Amino acid sequence: MTIRQLQRALDQLSNDASLQRLWRLDRAAALDCLPLTAAQRSALGAADIGLLHVLGVGGQRLLAFAAFVGLSEDEALARMRDGERQHGPVRAGAYGEADAIGDAARDDAQ
């Protein structure tokens, strides 16, 4: 599953009332409805905002998901920072690509 598909899964969870109800009743069953890799399923199921951030999920989607699971914006932002410390740099998505472009530019300059 690509980062785009993970982001779509988060969008679906943010916008689909029946999926939200299922999540609240049986999180594992809700996750079964989404095409996720094992790592993505684990991060989403644990509501691990930091790991989802490192996997490349964008900030707005993460803040919406954080609110859905009962976290404040400040808590979500702190978990994003903690995720980078715990899991390393952002691996994919806009931030990951920006890092790769920056690395390439630094390599060209040397």
Protein backbone atom coordinates (compact mmCIF):
# COMPACT_ATOMS: atom_id res chain seq x y z
CA MET A 1 0.00 0.00 0.00
CA THR A 2 1.29 3.43 -0.90
CA ILE A 3 1.22 6.53 1.26
CA ARG A 4 -1.56 7.85 -0.95
CA GLN A 5 -3.70 4.82 -0.14
CA LEU A 6 -3.00 5.25 3.60
CA GLN A 7 -4.06 8.88 3.36
CA ARG A 8 -7.24 7.83 1.54
CA ALA A 9 -7.94 5.32 4.31
CA LEU A 10 -7.60 8.12 6.88
CA ASP A 11 -9.88 10.33 4.79
CA GLN A 12 -12.44 7.53 4.67
CA LEU A 13 -12.25 7.13 8.44
CA SER A 14 -12.61 10.90 8.88
CA ASN A 15 -15.65 11.16 6.61
CA ASP A 16 -17.54 7.86 6.74
CA ALA A 17 -19.97 7.83 9.68
CA SER A 18 -20.58 4.08 9.46
CA LEU A 19 -16.84 3.36 9.51
CA GLN A 20 -16.46 5.71 12.47
CA ARG A 21 -19.19 3.84 14.36
CA LEU A 22 -17.52 0.54 13.56
CA TRP A 23 -14.15 1.95 14.75
CA ARG A 24 -15.69 2.88 18.08
CA LEU A 25 -17.33 -0.54 18.47
CA ASP A 26 -14.65 -2.82 17.02
CA ARG A 27 -11.44 -1.17 15.87
CA ALA A 28 -10.06 -4.40 14.38
CA ALA A 29 -13.18 -4.85 12.23
CA ALA A 30 -12.91 -1.25 11.03
CA LEU A 31 -9.27 -1.81 10.11
CA ASP A 32 -10.30 -4.92 8.17
CA CYS A 33 -12.34 -2.60 5.89
CA LEU A 34 -9.22 -0.67 4.89
CA PRO A 35 -6.47 -1.91 2.54
CA LEU A 36 -3.47 -1.48 4.84
CA THR A 37 -0.05 -3.05 5.21
CA ALA A 38 0.70 -4.66 8.56
CA ALA A 39 2.79 -1.64 9.66
CA GLN A 40 0.09 0.82 8.61
CA ARG A 41 -2.63 -1.24 10.28
CA SER A 42 -0.60 -1.37 13.49
CA ALA A 43 0.09 2.38 13.49
CA LEU A 44 -3.51 3.28 12.67
CA GLY A 45 -4.97 0.77 15.12
CA ALA A 46 -2.79 2.14 17.91
CA ALA A 47 -3.60 5.71 16.84
CA ASP A 48 0.18 6.21 16.73
CA ILE A 49 0.25 9.77 15.39
CA GLY A 50 4.05 9.85 15.49
CA LEU A 51 4.52 6.73 13.38
CA LEU A 52 1.78 7.78 10.94
CA HIS A 53 3.63 11.09 10.55
CA VAL A 54 6.94 9.30 9.92
CA LEU A 55 5.21 7.02 7.40
CA GLY A 56 4.33 10.21 5.48
CA VAL A 57 0.75 11.11 6.42
CA GLY A 58 0.22 14.86 6.07
CA GLY A 59 -0.30 17.12 9.04
CA GLN A 60 -3.90 18.13 8.29
CA ARG A 61 -5.00 14.52 7.99
CA LEU A 62 -3.17 13.66 11.19
CA LEU A 63 -4.79 16.53 13.07
CA ALA A 64 -8.24 15.42 11.87
CA PHE A 65 -7.50 11.83 12.91
CA ALA A 66 -6.08 13.01 16.24
CA ALA A 67 -9.27 14.95 16.95
CA PHE A 68 -11.31 11.86 16.04
CA VAL A 69 -9.40 9.77 18.60
CA GLY A 70 -9.68 12.49 21.25
CA LEU A 71 -6.32 14.25 21.12
CA SER A 72 -5.85 18.00 21.17
CA GLU A 73 -3.87 19.73 18.44
CA ASP A 74 -0.99 20.31 20.87
CA GLU A 75 -0.94 16.63 21.84
CA ALA A 76 -0.95 15.60 18.17
CA LEU A 77 1.90 17.96 17.29
CA ALA A 78 3.93 16.70 20.24
CA ARG A 79 3.34 13.11 19.10
CA MET A 80 4.52 14.01 15.59
CA ARG A 81 7.78 15.39 17.02
CA ASP A 82 8.12 12.37 19.29
CA GLY A 83 7.55 10.11 16.28
CA GLU A 84 10.54 11.56 14.48
CA ARG A 85 12.71 11.08 17.57
CA GLN A 86 11.49 7.51 18.07
CA HIS A 87 11.15 6.27 14.46
CA GLY A 88 13.54 8.51 12.52
CA PRO A 89 12.90 10.99 9.73
CA VAL A 90 9.73 11.13 7.68
CA ARG A 91 10.00 8.33 5.11
CA ALA A 92 7.44 9.32 2.48
CA GLY A 93 4.95 11.95 1.47
CA ALA A 94 5.60 15.64 0.96
CA TYR A 95 8.01 15.98 3.87
CA GLY A 96 9.95 12.86 2.93
CA GLU A 97 10.26 14.04 -0.65
CA ALA A 98 11.41 17.47 0.49
CA ASP A 99 14.18 15.83 2.52
CA ALA A 100 15.23 13.74 -0.48
CA ILE A 101 15.35 16.84 -2.68
CA GLY A 102 17.37 18.66 -0.03
CA ASP A 103 19.78 15.72 0.23
CA ALA A 104 20.23 15.67 -3.56
CA ALA A 105 20.90 19.41 -3.61
CA ARG A 106 23.50 19.06 -0.84
CA ASP A 107 25.15 16.18 -2.70
CA ASP A 108 25.28 18.26 -5.92
CA ALA A 109 26.85 21.17 -4.05
CA GLN A 110 29.71 19.03 -2.73
